[in-house]
Amino acid sequence: VLMPSVMKYQISFEPMARRHTEESLKQTAEYPITKVRPRQRRA
C-alpha cells in the first residue's frame, strides 16, 4: 500500500547549509517580554 503524498518537492535556490550571521545572532539574543501561551496539540 502506497500512502497518500504528504510533501511537495520544490527547487530551492538557497544554500542547504548556513551559518549564523551577525543579524541572525542579534535576533537570537533579542528576547522581548511577551505573554506565554500554553502549548496546544496540533490537529
Full PDB file with SEQRES, HELIX, SHEET, SSBOND, CRYST1, ORIGX, SCALE, CONECT and MASTER records, all heavy atoms in Angstrom:
SEQRES   1 A   43  VAL LEU MET PRO SER VAL MET LYS TYR GLN ILE SER PHE          
SEQRES   2 A   43  GLU PRO MET ALA ARG ARG HIS THR GLU GLU SER LEU LYS          
SEQRES   3 A   43  GLN THR ALA GLU TYR PRO ILE THR LYS VAL ARG PRO ARG          
SEQRES   4 A   43  GLN ARG ARG ALA                                              
HELIX    1 AA1 GLU A   22  ALA A   29  1                                   8    
CRYST1    1.000    1.000    1.000  90.00  90.00  90.00 P 1           1          
ORIGX1      1.000000  0.000000  0.000000        0.00000                         
ORIGX2      0.000000  1.000000  0.000000        0.00000                         
ORIGX3      0.000000  0.000000  1.000000        0.00000                         
SCALE1      1.000000  0.000000  0.000000        0.00000                         
SCALE2      0.000000  1.000000  0.000000        0.00000                         
SCALE3      0.000000  0.000000  1.000000        0.00000                         
ATOM      1  N   VAL A   1       0.841  -1.199   0.000  1.00  0.00           N  
ATOM      2  CA  VAL A   1       0.000   0.000   0.000  1.00  0.00           C  
ATOM      3  C   VAL A   1       0.874   1.246   0.000  1.00  0.00           C  
ATOM      4  O   VAL A   1       1.726   1.422   0.878  1.00  0.00           O  
ATOM      5  CB  VAL A   1      -0.940   0.009   1.223  1.00  0.00           C  
ATOM      6  CG1 VAL A   1      -1.709   1.321   1.302  1.00  0.00           C  
ATOM      7  CG2 VAL A   1      -1.902  -1.170   1.150  1.00  0.00           C  
ATOM      8  N   LEU A   2       0.633   2.106  -0.972  1.00  0.00           N  
ATOM      9  CA  LEU A   2       1.328   3.393  -1.063  1.00  0.00           C  
ATOM     10  C   LEU A   2       0.423   4.453  -0.453  1.00  0.00           C  
ATOM     11  O   LEU A   2      -0.641   4.768  -0.999  1.00  0.00           O  
ATOM     12  CB  LEU A   2       1.634   3.718  -2.530  1.00  0.00           C  
ATOM     13  CG  LEU A   2       2.619   4.859  -2.805  1.00  0.00           C  
ATOM     14  CD1 LEU A   2       4.014   4.504  -2.294  1.00  0.00           C  
ATOM     15  CD2 LEU A   2       2.669   5.185  -4.291  1.00  0.00           C  
ATOM     16  N   MET A   3       0.829   4.983   0.692  1.00  0.00           N  
ATOM     17  CA  MET A   3       0.029   6.002   1.374  1.00  0.00           C  
ATOM     18  C   MET A   3       0.045   7.309   0.579  1.00  0.00           C  
ATOM     19  O   MET A   3       0.935   7.541  -0.241  1.00  0.00           O  
ATOM     20  CB  MET A   3       0.566   6.215   2.782  1.00  0.00           C  
ATOM     21  CG  MET A   3       0.339   5.044   3.723  1.00  0.00           C  
ATOM     22  SD  MET A   3      -1.406   4.816   4.134  1.00  0.00           S  
ATOM     23  CE  MET A   3      -1.690   6.233   5.223  1.00  0.00           C  
ATOM     24  N   PRO A   4      -0.941   8.197   0.821  1.00  0.00           N  
ATOM     25  CA  PRO A   4      -1.014   9.446   0.062  1.00  0.00           C  
ATOM     26  C   PRO A   4       0.233  10.312   0.240  1.00  0.00           C  
ATOM     27  O   PRO A   4       0.917  10.249   1.268  1.00  0.00           O  
ATOM     28  CB  PRO A   4      -2.239  10.152   0.649  1.00  0.00           C  
ATOM     29  CG  PRO A   4      -3.036   9.082   1.288  1.00  0.00           C  
ATOM     30  CD  PRO A   4      -2.054   8.055   1.761  1.00  0.00           C  
ATOM     31  N   SER A   5       0.507  11.131  -0.750  1.00  0.00           N  
ATOM     32  CA  SER A   5       1.641  12.049  -0.688  1.00  0.00           C  
ATOM     33  C   SER A   5       1.424  13.101   0.390  1.00  0.00           C  
ATOM     34  O   SER A   5       0.311  13.594   0.584  1.00  0.00           O  
ATOM     35  CB  SER A   5       1.825  12.742  -2.047  1.00  0.00           C  
ATOM     36  OG  SER A   5       2.844  13.707  -1.976  1.00  0.00           O  
ATOM     37  N   VAL A   6       2.498  13.449   1.098  1.00  0.00           N  
ATOM     38  CA  VAL A   6       2.417  14.474   2.141  1.00  0.00           C  
ATOM     39  C   VAL A   6       3.412  15.612   1.885  1.00  0.00           C  
ATOM     40  O   VAL A   6       3.525  16.529   2.685  1.00  0.00           O  
ATOM     41  CB  VAL A   6       2.682  13.868   3.538  1.00  0.00           C  
ATOM     42  CG1 VAL A   6       1.579  12.901   3.926  1.00  0.00           C  
ATOM     43  CG2 VAL A   6       4.042  13.171   3.577  1.00  0.00           C  
ATOM     44  N   MET A   7       4.139  15.531   0.773  1.00  0.00           N  
ATOM     45  CA  MET A   7       5.190  16.510   0.519  1.00  0.00           C  
ATOM     46  C   MET A   7       5.011  17.122  -0.866  1.00  0.00           C  
ATOM     47  O   MET A   7       4.429  16.518  -1.757  1.00  0.00           O  
ATOM     48  CB  MET A   7       6.582  15.863   0.599  1.00  0.00           C  
ATOM     49  CG  MET A   7       6.932  15.263   1.928  1.00  0.00           C  
ATOM     50  SD  MET A   7       8.539  14.434   1.893  1.00  0.00           S  
ATOM     51  CE  MET A   7       9.642  15.807   1.566  1.00  0.00           C  
ATOM     52  N   LYS A   8       5.549  18.338  -1.004  1.00  0.00           N  
ATOM     53  CA  LYS A   8       5.654  18.975  -2.306  1.00  0.00           C  
ATOM     54  C   LYS A   8       7.107  19.342  -2.516  1.00  0.00           C  
ATOM     55  O   LYS A   8       7.633  20.229  -1.835  1.00  0.00           O  
ATOM     56  CB  LYS A   8       4.779  20.237  -2.378  1.00  0.00           C  
ATOM     57  CG  LYS A   8       3.320  19.968  -2.691  1.00  0.00           C  
ATOM     58  CD  LYS A   8       2.567  21.273  -2.947  1.00  0.00           C  
ATOM     59  CE  LYS A   8       1.130  20.988  -3.355  1.00  0.00           C  
ATOM     60  NZ  LYS A   8       0.389  22.246  -3.616  1.00  0.00           N  
ATOM     61  N   TYR A   9       7.751  18.650  -3.416  1.00  0.00           N  
ATOM     62  CA  TYR A   9       9.156  18.958  -3.664  1.00  0.00           C  
ATOM     63  C   TYR A   9       9.246  20.221  -4.508  1.00  0.00           C  
ATOM     64  O   TYR A   9       8.611  20.342  -5.550  1.00  0.00           O  
ATOM     65  CB  TYR A   9       9.842  17.796  -4.379  1.00  0.00           C  
ATOM     66  CG  TYR A   9      11.299  18.077  -4.656  1.00  0.00           C  
ATOM     67  CD1 TYR A   9      12.244  17.906  -3.658  1.00  0.00           C  
ATOM     68  CD2 TYR A   9      11.723  18.560  -5.892  1.00  0.00           C  
ATOM     69  CE1 TYR A   9      13.578  18.178  -3.886  1.00  0.00           C  
ATOM     70  CE2 TYR A   9      13.051  18.836  -6.128  1.00  0.00           C  
ATOM     71  CZ  TYR A   9      13.976  18.648  -5.122  1.00  0.00           C  
ATOM     72  OH  TYR A   9      15.297  18.933  -5.340  1.00  0.00           O  
ATOM     73  N   GLN A  10      10.035  21.156  -4.035  1.00  0.00           N  
ATOM     74  CA  GLN A  10      10.256  22.389  -4.772  1.00  0.00           C  
ATOM     75  C   GLN A  10      11.740  22.680  -4.833  1.00  0.00           C  
ATOM     76  O   GLN A  10      12.460  22.493  -3.854  1.00  0.00           O  
ATOM     77  CB  GLN A  10       9.533  23.566  -4.100  1.00  0.00           C  
ATOM     78  CG  GLN A  10       8.011  23.457  -4.171  1.00  0.00           C  
ATOM     79  CD  GLN A  10       7.335  24.640  -3.496  1.00  0.00           C  
ATOM     80  OE1 GLN A  10       7.779  25.114  -2.456  1.00  0.00           O  
ATOM     81  NE2 GLN A  10       6.257  25.109  -4.086  1.00  0.00           N  
ATOM     82  N   ILE A  11      12.178  23.131  -5.986  1.00  0.00           N  
ATOM     83  CA  ILE A  11      13.568  23.501  -6.143  1.00  0.00           C  
ATOM     84  C   ILE A  11      13.895  24.656  -5.192  1.00  0.00           C  
ATOM     85  O   ILE A  11      13.157  25.638  -5.103  1.00  0.00           O  
ATOM     86  CB  ILE A  11      13.871  23.932  -7.590  1.00  0.00           C  
ATOM     87  CG1 ILE A  11      13.641  22.764  -8.552  1.00  0.00           C  
ATOM     88  CG2 ILE A  11      15.300  24.446  -7.716  1.00  0.00           C  
ATOM     89  CD1 ILE A  11      14.569  21.601  -8.351  1.00  0.00           C  
ATOM     90  N   SER A  12      14.991  24.526  -4.463  1.00  0.00           N  
ATOM     91  CA  SER A  12      15.434  25.587  -3.557  1.00  0.00           C  
ATOM     92  C   SER A  12      16.653  26.274  -4.145  1.00  0.00           C  
ATOM     93  O   SER A  12      17.606  25.621  -4.580  1.00  0.00           O  
ATOM     94  CB  SER A  12      15.788  25.012  -2.181  1.00  0.00           C  
ATOM     95  OG  SER A  12      16.370  26.003  -1.357  1.00  0.00           O  
ATOM     96  N   PHE A  13      16.612  27.597  -4.160  1.00  0.00           N  
ATOM     97  CA  PHE A  13      17.743  28.364  -4.647  1.00  0.00           C  
ATOM     98  C   PHE A  13      18.568  28.950  -3.497  1.00  0.00           C  
ATOM     99  O   PHE A  13      19.444  29.768  -3.705  1.00  0.00           O  
ATOM    100  CB  PHE A  13      17.252  29.480  -5.588  1.00  0.00           C  
ATOM    101  CG  PHE A  13      16.626  28.954  -6.834  1.00  0.00           C  
ATOM    102  CD1 PHE A  13      15.254  28.776  -6.921  1.00  0.00           C  
ATOM    103  CD2 PHE A  13      17.408  28.596  -7.919  1.00  0.00           C  
ATOM    104  CE1 PHE A  13      14.669  28.265  -8.073  1.00  0.00           C  
ATOM    105  CE2 PHE A  13      16.838  28.092  -9.075  1.00  0.00           C  
ATOM    106  CZ  PHE A  13      15.465  27.928  -9.155  1.00  0.00           C  
ATOM    107  N   GLU A  14      18.259  28.469  -2.280  1.00  0.00           N  
ATOM    108  CA  GLU A  14      19.008  28.868  -1.099  1.00  0.00           C  
ATOM    109  C   GLU A  14      20.062  27.803  -0.796  1.00  0.00           C  
ATOM    110  O   GLU A  14      19.863  26.625  -1.083  1.00  0.00           O  
ATOM    111  CB  GLU A  14      18.071  29.023   0.107  1.00  0.00           C  
ATOM    112  CG  GLU A  14      17.005  30.093  -0.069  1.00  0.00           C  
ATOM    113  CD  GLU A  14      17.600  31.481  -0.225  1.00  0.00           C  
ATOM    114  OE1 GLU A  14      18.630  31.750   0.427  1.00  0.00           O  
ATOM    115  OE2 GLU A  14      17.046  32.282  -1.004  1.00  0.00           O  
ATOM    116  N   PRO A  15      21.194  28.191  -0.196  1.00  0.00           N  
ATOM    117  CA  PRO A  15      22.198  27.180   0.174  1.00  0.00           C  
ATOM    118  C   PRO A  15      21.631  26.213   1.205  1.00  0.00           C  
ATOM    119  O   PRO A  15      20.854  26.615   2.077  1.00  0.00           O  
ATOM    120  CB  PRO A  15      23.351  28.010   0.747  1.00  0.00           C  
ATOM    121  CG  PRO A  15      22.742  29.319   1.130  1.00  0.00           C  
ATOM    122  CD  PRO A  15      21.619  29.557   0.173  1.00  0.00           C  
ATOM    123  N   MET A  16      22.016  24.972   1.107  1.00  0.00           N  
ATOM    124  CA  MET A  16      21.487  23.967   2.020  1.00  0.00           C  
ATOM    125  C   MET A  16      22.074  24.108   3.421  1.00  0.00           C  
ATOM    126  O   MET A  16      21.420  23.810   4.409  1.00  0.00           O  
ATOM    127  CB  MET A  16      21.780  22.568   1.482  1.00  0.00           C  
ATOM    128  CG  MET A  16      21.134  22.309   0.139  1.00  0.00           C  
ATOM    129  SD  MET A  16      21.302  20.608  -0.358  1.00  0.00           S  
ATOM    130  CE  MET A  16      20.310  19.819   0.877  1.00  0.00           C  
ATOM    131  N   ALA A  17      23.319  24.523   3.499  1.00  0.00           N  
ATOM    132  CA  ALA A  17      23.965  24.717   4.801  1.00  0.00           C  
ATOM    133  C   ALA A  17      24.144  26.211   5.040  1.00  0.00           C  
ATOM    134  O   ALA A  17      24.391  26.975   4.098  1.00  0.00           O  
ATOM    135  CB  ALA A  17      25.312  24.013   4.838  1.00  0.00           C  
ATOM    136  N   ARG A  18      23.996  26.614   6.279  1.00  0.00           N  
ATOM    137  CA  ARG A  18      24.207  28.033   6.581  1.00  0.00           C  
ATOM    138  C   ARG A  18      24.767  28.190   7.988  1.00  0.00           C  
ATOM    139  O   ARG A  18      24.576  27.329   8.855  1.00  0.00           O  
ATOM    140  CB  ARG A  18      22.912  28.835   6.434  1.00  0.00           C  
ATOM    141  CG  ARG A  18      21.825  28.476   7.416  1.00  0.00           C  
ATOM    142  CD  ARG A  18      20.541  29.221   7.120  1.00  0.00           C  
ATOM    143  NE  ARG A  18      19.491  28.892   8.084  1.00  0.00           N  
ATOM    144  CZ  ARG A  18      19.297  29.552   9.224  1.00  0.00           C  
ATOM    145  NH1 ARG A  18      20.090  30.562   9.551  1.00  0.00           N  
ATOM    146  NH2 ARG A  18      18.325  29.207  10.050  1.00  0.00           N  
ATOM    147  N   ARG A  19      25.454  29.294   8.172  1.00  0.00           N  
ATOM    148  CA  ARG A  19      25.940  29.677   9.496  1.00  0.00           C  
ATOM    149  C   ARG A  19      25.170  30.906   9.967  1.00  0.00           C  
ATOM    150  O   ARG A  19      24.551  31.605   9.173  1.00  0.00           O  
ATOM    151  CB  ARG A  19      27.437  29.977   9.453  1.00  0.00           C  
ATOM    152  CG  ARG A  19      28.312  28.739   9.167  1.00  0.00           C  
ATOM    153  CD  ARG A  19      29.768  29.054   9.477  1.00  0.00           C  
ATOM    154  NE  ARG A  19      30.648  27.931   9.174  1.00  0.00           N  
ATOM    155  CZ  ARG A  19      30.894  26.924  10.003  1.00  0.00           C  
ATOM    156  NH1 ARG A  19      30.303  26.895  11.189  1.00  0.00           N  
ATOM    157  NH2 ARG A  19      31.723  25.960   9.677  1.00  0.00           N  
ATOM    158  N   HIS A  20      25.231  31.146  11.259  1.00  0.00           N  
ATOM    159  CA  HIS A  20      24.630  32.367  11.783  1.00  0.00           C  
ATOM    160  C   HIS A  20      25.367  33.584  11.226  1.00  0.00           C  
ATOM    161  O   HIS A  20      26.589  33.573  11.050  1.00  0.00           O  
ATOM    162  CB  HIS A  20      24.712  32.392  13.313  1.00  0.00           C  
ATOM    163  CG  HIS A  20      23.569  31.702  13.982  1.00  0.00           C  
ATOM    164  ND1 HIS A  20      22.266  32.121  13.845  1.00  0.00           N  
ATOM    165  CD2 HIS A  20      23.536  30.623  14.822  1.00  0.00           C  
ATOM    166  CE1 HIS A  20      21.474  31.348  14.554  1.00  0.00           C  
ATOM    167  NE2 HIS A  20      22.213  30.425  15.156  1.00  0.00           N  
ATOM    168  N   THR A  21      24.605  34.625  10.961  1.00  0.00           N  
ATOM    169  CA  THR A  21      25.169  35.924  10.611  1.00  0.00           C  
ATOM    170  C   THR A  21      25.078  36.837  11.824  1.00  0.00           C  
ATOM    171  O   THR A  21      24.437  36.492  12.831  1.00  0.00           O  
ATOM    172  CB  THR A  21      24.402  36.557   9.447  1.00  0.00           C  
ATOM    173  OG1 THR A  21      23.034  36.791   9.873  1.00  0.00           O  
ATOM    174  CG2 THR A  21      24.388  35.632   8.234  1.00  0.00           C  
ATOM    175  N   GLU A  22      25.691  37.995  11.742  1.00  0.00           N  
ATOM    176  CA  GLU A  22      25.573  38.959  12.837  1.00  0.00           C  
ATOM    177  C   GLU A  22      24.109  39.311  13.082  1.00  0.00           C  
ATOM    178  O   GLU A  22      23.683  39.457  14.231  1.00  0.00           O  
ATOM    179  CB  GLU A  22      26.383  40.225  12.516  1.00  0.00           C  
ATOM    180  CG  GLU A  22      27.889  40.035  12.603  1.00  0.00           C  
ATOM    181  CD  GLU A  22      28.646  41.348  12.454  1.00  0.00           C  
ATOM    182  OE1 GLU A  22      28.001  42.410  12.593  1.00  0.00           O  
ATOM    183  OE2 GLU A  22      29.859  41.310  12.214  1.00  0.00           O  
ATOM    184  N   GLU A  23      23.350  39.423  12.006  1.00  0.00           N  
ATOM    185  CA  GLU A  23      21.943  39.776  12.144  1.00  0.00           C  
ATOM    186  C   GLU A  23      21.149  38.648  12.801  1.00  0.00           C  
ATOM    187  O   GLU A  23      20.320  38.894  13.693  1.00  0.00           O  
ATOM    188  CB  GLU A  23      21.348  40.092  10.777  1.00  0.00           C  
ATOM    189  CG  GLU A  23      19.871  40.487  10.800  1.00  0.00           C  
ATOM    190  CD  GLU A  23      19.596  41.715  11.661  1.00  0.00           C  
ATOM    191  OE1 GLU A  23      20.489  42.579  11.798  1.00  0.00           O  
ATOM    192  OE2 GLU A  23      18.476  41.797  12.223  1.00  0.00           O  
ATOM    193  N   SER A  24      21.386  37.405  12.396  1.00  0.00           N  
ATOM    194  CA  SER A  24      20.632  36.294  12.988  1.00  0.00           C  
ATOM    195  C   SER A  24      21.017  36.081  14.453  1.00  0.00           C  
ATOM    196  O   SER A  24      20.172  35.722  15.277  1.00  0.00           O  
ATOM    197  CB  SER A  24      20.838  35.009  12.182  1.00  0.00           C  
ATOM    198  OG  SER A  24      22.184  34.570  12.226  1.00  0.00           O  
ATOM    199  N   LEU A  25      22.285  36.319  14.798  1.00  0.00           N  
ATOM    200  CA  LEU A  25      22.692  36.231  16.202  1.00  0.00           C  
ATOM    201  C   LEU A  25      22.052  37.341  17.023  1.00  0.00           C  
ATOM    202  O   LEU A  25      21.632  37.128  18.171  1.00  0.00           O  
ATOM    203  CB  LEU A  25      24.212  36.290  16.324  1.00  0.00           C  
ATOM    204  CG  LEU A  25      24.972  35.026  15.909  1.00  0.00           C  
ATOM    205  CD1 LEU A  25      26.465  35.275  15.884  1.00  0.00           C  
ATOM    206  CD2 LEU A  25      24.646  33.853  16.848  1.00  0.00           C  
ATOM    207  N   LYS A  26      21.939  38.521  16.430  1.00  0.00           N  
ATOM    208  CA  LYS A  26      21.277  39.634  17.118  1.00  0.00           C  
ATOM    209  C   LYS A  26      19.818  39.292  17.385  1.00  0.00           C  
ATOM    210  O   LYS A  26      19.292  39.539  18.483  1.00  0.00           O  
ATOM    211  CB  LYS A  26      21.376  40.899  16.273  1.00  0.00           C  
ATOM    212  CG  LYS A  26      20.701  42.114  16.891  1.00  0.00           C  
ATOM    213  CD  LYS A  26      20.798  43.332  15.966  1.00  0.00           C  
ATOM    214  CE  LYS A  26      20.045  44.522  16.564  1.00  0.00           C  
ATOM    215  NZ  LYS A  26      20.055  45.689  15.657  1.00  0.00           N  
ATOM    216  N   GLN A  27      19.158  38.687  16.400  1.00  0.00           N  
ATOM    217  CA  GLN A  27      17.764  38.292  16.581  1.00  0.00           C  
ATOM    218  C   GLN A  27      17.630  37.196  17.637  1.00  0.00           C  
ATOM    219  O   GLN A  27      16.672  37.181  18.417  1.00  0.00           O  
ATOM    220  CB  GLN A  27      17.191  37.818  15.250  1.00  0.00           C  
ATOM    221  CG  GLN A  27      17.041  38.917  14.214  1.00  0.00           C  
ATOM    222  CD  GLN A  27      16.625  38.375  12.860  1.00  0.00           C  
ATOM    223  OE1 GLN A  27      16.494  37.174  12.648  1.00  0.00           O  
ATOM    224  NE2 GLN A  27      16.422  39.286  11.904  1.00  0.00           N  
ATOM    225  N   THR A  28      18.605  36.296  17.688  1.00  0.00           N  
ATOM    226  CA  THR A  28      18.584  35.233  18.695  1.00  0.00           C  
ATOM    227  C   THR A  28      18.735  35.808  20.098  1.00  0.00           C  
ATOM    228  O   THR A  28      18.126  35.324  21.064  1.00  0.00           O  
ATOM    229  CB  THR A  28      19.715  34.217  18.429  1.00  0.00           C  
ATOM    230  OG1 THR A  28      19.538  33.656  17.132  1.00  0.00           O  
ATOM    231  CG2 THR A  28      19.724  33.099  19.460  1.00  0.00           C  
ATOM    232  N   ALA A  29      19.548  36.854  20.213  1.00  0.00           N  
ATOM    233  CA  ALA A  29      19.784  37.471  21.522  1.00  0.00           C  
ATOM    234  C   ALA A  29      18.584  38.277  22.010  1.00  0.00           C  
ATOM    235  O   ALA A  29      18.392  38.451  23.211  1.00  0.00           O  
ATOM    236  CB  ALA A  29      21.019  38.360  21.466  1.00  0.00           C  
ATOM    237  N   GLU A  30      17.781  38.785  21.072  1.00  0.00           N  
ATOM    238  CA  GLU A  30      16.623  39.592  21.466  1.00  0.00           C  
ATOM    239  C   GLU A  30      15.538  38.685  22.045  1.00  0.00           C  
ATOM    240  O   GLU A  30      15.179  37.671  21.458  1.00  0.00           O  
ATOM    241  CB  GLU A  30      16.087  40.351  20.262  1.00  0.00           C  
ATOM    242  CG  GLU A  30      17.031  41.446  19.777  1.00  0.00           C  
ATOM    243  CD  GLU A  30      16.551  42.114  18.501  1.00  0.00           C  
ATOM    244  OE1 GLU A  30      15.559  41.611  17.911  1.00  0.00           O  
ATOM    245  OE2 GLU A  30      17.155  43.116  18.090  1.00  0.00           O  
ATOM    246  N   TYR A  31      15.020  39.086  23.189  1.00  0.00           N  
ATOM    247  CA  TYR A  31      14.026  38.259  23.882  1.00  0.00           C  
ATOM    248  C   TYR A  31      12.991  39.172  24.545  1.00  0.00           C  
ATOM    249  O   TYR A  31      13.055  39.442  25.737  1.00  0.00           O  
ATOM    250  CB  TYR A  31      14.715  37.381  24.924  1.00  0.00           C  
ATOM    251  CG  TYR A  31      13.819  36.361  25.592  1.00  0.00           C  
ATOM    252  CD1 TYR A  31      12.820  35.705  24.890  1.00  0.00           C  
ATOM    253  CD2 TYR A  31      13.989  36.039  26.931  1.00  0.00           C  
ATOM    254  CE1 TYR A  31      12.011  34.764  25.493  1.00  0.00           C  
ATOM    255  CE2 TYR A  31      13.185  35.090  27.562  1.00  0.00           C  
ATOM    256  CZ  TYR A  31      12.201  34.459  26.832  1.00  0.00           C  
ATOM    257  OH  TYR A  31      11.397  33.523  27.443  1.00  0.00           O  
ATOM    258  N   PRO A  32      12.025  39.637  23.759  1.00  0.00           N  
ATOM    259  CA  PRO A  32      11.039  40.560  24.319  1.00  0.00           C  
ATOM    260  C   PRO A  32      10.156  39.886  25.354  1.00  0.00           C  
ATOM    261  O   PRO A  32       9.944  38.666  25.323  1.00  0.00           O  
ATOM    262  CB  PRO A  32      10.223  40.984  23.087  1.00  0.00           C  
ATOM    263  CG  PRO A  32      10.394  39.866  22.124  1.00  0.00           C  
ATOM    264  CD  PRO A  32      11.767  39.326  22.348  1.00  0.00           C  
ATOM    265  N   ILE A  33       9.648  40.661  26.283  1.00  0.00           N  
ATOM    266  CA  ILE A  33       8.742  40.145  27.304  1.00  0.00           C  
ATOM    267  C   ILE A  33       7.360  40.017  26.667  1.00  0.00           C  
ATOM    268  O   ILE A  33       6.734  41.005  26.302  1.00  0.00           O  
ATOM    269  CB  ILE A  33       8.689  41.076  28.525  1.00  0.00           C  
ATOM    270  CG1 ILE A  33      10.070  41.154  29.179  1.00  0.00           C  
ATOM    271  CG2 ILE A  33       7.647  40.586  29.532  1.00  0.00           C  
ATOM    272  CD1 ILE A  33      10.165  42.157  30.299  1.00  0.00           C  
ATOM    273  N   THR A  34       6.903  38.808  26.501  1.00  0.00           N  
ATOM    274  CA  THR A  34       5.612  38.560  25.863  1.00  0.00           C  
ATOM    275  C   THR A  34       4.810  37.607  26.720  1.00  0.00           C  
ATOM    276  O   THR A  34       5.338  36.944  27.614  1.00  0.00           O  
ATOM    277  CB  THR A  34       5.794  37.926  24.470  1.00  0.00           C  
ATOM    278  OG1 THR A  34       6.578  36.741  24.605  1.00  0.00           O  
ATOM    279  CG2 THR A  34       6.501  38.882  23.523  1.00  0.00           C  
ATOM    280  N   LYS A  35       3.525  37.532  26.429  1.00  0.00           N  
ATOM    281  CA  LYS A  35       2.652  36.626  27.159  1.00  0.00           C  
ATOM    282  C   LYS A  35       2.966  35.195  26.756  1.00  0.00           C  
ATOM    283  O   LYS A  35       3.011  34.853  25.579  1.00  0.00           O  
ATOM    284  CB  LYS A  35       1.187  36.937  26.847  1.00  0.00           C  
ATOM    285  CG  LYS A  35       0.200  36.070  27.627  1.00  0.00           C  
ATOM    286  CD  LYS A  35      -1.227  36.461  27.291  1.00  0.00           C  
ATOM    287  CE  LYS A  35      -2.217  35.577  28.066  1.00  0.00           C  
ATOM    288  NZ  LYS A  35      -3.626  35.942  27.745  1.00  0.00           N  
ATOM    289  N   VAL A  36       3.203  34.351  27.756  1.00  0.00           N  
ATOM    290  CA  VAL A  36       3.496  32.950  27.479  1.00  0.00           C  
ATOM    291  C   VAL A  36       2.200  32.230  27.133  1.00  0.00           C  
ATOM    292  O   VAL A  36       1.226  32.286  27.885  1.00  0.00           O  
ATOM    293  CB  VAL A  36       4.175  32.275  28.689  1.00  0.00           C  
ATOM    294  CG1 VAL A  36       4.404  30.792  28.402  1.00  0.00           C  
ATOM    295  CG2 VAL A  36       5.486  32.961  29.006  1.00  0.00           C  
ATOM    296  N   ARG A  37       2.170  31.584  26.006  1.00  0.00           N  
ATOM    297  CA  ARG A  37       0.978  30.865  25.574  1.00  0.00           C  
ATOM    298  C   ARG A  37       1.177  29.370  25.790  1.00  0.00           C  
ATOM    299  O   ARG A  37       2.215  28.822  25.428  1.00  0.00           O  
ATOM    300  CB  ARG A  37       0.703  31.138  24.091  1.00  0.00           C  
ATOM    301  CG  ARG A  37       0.419  32.606  23.811  1.00  0.00           C  
ATOM    302  CD  ARG A  37       0.205  32.842  22.327  1.00  0.00           C  
ATOM    303  NE  ARG A  37      -0.050  34.257  22.054  1.00  0.00           N  
ATOM    304  CZ  ARG A  37      -0.218  34.764  20.840  1.00  0.00           C  
ATOM    305  NH1 ARG A  37      -0.140  33.959  19.788  1.00  0.00           N  
ATOM    306  NH2 ARG A  37      -0.447  36.045  20.677  1.00  0.00           N  
ATOM    307  N   PRO A  38       0.191  28.701  26.376  1.00  0.00           N  
ATOM    308  CA  PRO A  38       0.344  27.256  26.595  1.00  0.00           C  
ATOM    309  C   PRO A  38       0.427  26.517  25.266  1.00  0.00           C  
ATOM    310  O   PRO A  38      -0.217  26.894  24.284  1.00  0.00           O  
ATOM    311  CB  PRO A  38      -0.930  26.881  27.367  1.00  0.00           C  
ATOM    312  CG  PRO A  38      -1.910  27.955  27.021  1.00  0.00           C  
ATOM    313  CD  PRO A  38      -1.104  29.208  26.829  1.00  0.00           C  
ATOM    314  N   ARG A  39       1.218  25.464  25.247  1.00  0.00           N  
ATOM    315  CA  ARG A  39       1.328  24.663  24.036  1.00  0.00           C  
ATOM    316  C   ARG A  39       0.037  23.892  23.815  1.00  0.00           C  
ATOM    317  O   ARG A  39      -0.567  23.366  24.745  1.00  0.00           O  
ATOM    318  CB  ARG A  39       2.506  23.703  24.141  1.00  0.00           C  
ATOM    319  CG  ARG A  39       3.838  24.403  24.241  1.00  0.00           C  
ATOM    320  CD  ARG A  39       4.983  23.417  24.275  1.00  0.00           C  
ATOM    321  NE  ARG A  39       5.104  22.703  23.006  1.00  0.00           N  
ATOM    322  CZ  ARG A  39       6.046  21.797  22.768  1.00  0.00           C  
ATOM    323  NH1 ARG A  39       6.916  21.493  23.697  1.00  0.00           N  
ATOM    324  NH2 ARG A  39       6.108  21.189  21.612  1.00  0.00           N  
ATOM    325  N   GLN A  40      -0.389  23.816  22.561  1.00  0.00           N  
ATOM    326  CA  GLN A  40      -1.614  23.112  22.220  1.00  0.00           C  
ATOM    327  C   GLN A  40      -1.307  21.997  21.234  1.00  0.00           C  
ATOM    328  O   GLN A  40      -0.441  22.131  20.369  1.00  0.00           O  
ATOM    329  CB  GLN A  40      -2.634  24.084  21.616  1.00  0.00           C  
ATOM    330  CG  GLN A  40      -3.066  25.177  22.589  1.00  0.00           C  
ATOM    331  CD  GLN A  40      -4.050  26.139  21.945  1.00  0.00           C  
ATOM    332  OE1 GLN A  40      -4.116  26.243  20.726  1.00  0.00           O  
ATOM    333  NE2 GLN A  40      -4.816  26.827  22.759  1.00  0.00           N  
ATOM    334  N   ARG A  41      -2.028  20.914  21.376  1.00  0.00           N  
ATOM    335  CA  ARG A  41      -1.858  19.800  20.444  1.00  0.00           C  
ATOM    336  C   ARG A  41      -2.333  20.230  19.063  1.00  0.00           C  
ATOM    337  O   ARG A  41      -3.418  20.794  18.900  1.00  0.00           O  
ATOM    338  CB  ARG A  41      -2.641  18.585  20.930  1.00  0.00           C  
ATOM    339  CG  ARG A  41      -2.484  17.358  20.023  1.00  0.00           C  
ATOM    340  CD  ARG A  41      -3.279  16.187  20.584  1.00  0.00           C  
ATOM    341  NE  ARG A  41      -2.733  15.730  21.840  1.00  0.00           N  
ATOM    342  CZ  ARG A  41      -1.734  14.866  21.941  1.00  0.00           C  
ATOM    343  NH1 ARG A  41      -1.168  14.379  20.843  1.00  0.00           N  
ATOM    344  NH2 ARG A  41      -1.295  14.476  23.123  1.00  0.00           N  
ATOM    345  N   ARG A  42      -1.514  19.951  18.060  1.00  0.00           N  
ATOM    346  CA  ARG A  42      -1.885  20.298  16.700  1.00  0.00           C  
ATOM    347  C   ARG A  42      -2.930  19.322  16.171  1.00  0.00           C  
ATOM    348  O   ARG A  42      -2.884  18.137  16.435  1.00  0.00           O  
ATOM    349  CB  ARG A  42      -0.657  20.256  15.787  1.00  0.00           C  
ATOM    350  CG  ARG A  42       0.403  21.289  16.147  1.00  0.00           C  
ATOM    351  CD  ARG A  42       1.641  21.075  15.288  1.00  0.00           C  
ATOM    352  NE  ARG A  42       2.696  22.025  15.649  1.00  0.00           N  
ATOM    353  CZ  ARG A  42       3.924  21.954  15.171  1.00  0.00           C  
ATOM    354  NH1 ARG A  42       4.259  21.000  14.321  1.00  0.00           N  
ATOM    355  NH2 ARG A  42       4.831  22.845  15.538  1.00  0.00           N  
ATOM    356  N   ALA A  43      -3.860  19.852  15.395  1.00  0.00           N  
ATOM    357  CA  ALA A  43      -4.854  18.998  14.773  1.00  0.00           C  
ATOM    358  C   ALA A  43      -4.175  18.095  13.746  1.00  0.00           C  
ATOM    359  O   ALA A  43      -3.185  18.468  13.118  1.00  0.00           O  
ATOM    360  CB  ALA A  43      -5.920  19.852  14.100  1.00  0.00           C  
TER     361      ALA A  43                                                      
MASTER        0    0    0    1    0    0    0    6  360    1    0    4          
END                                                                             
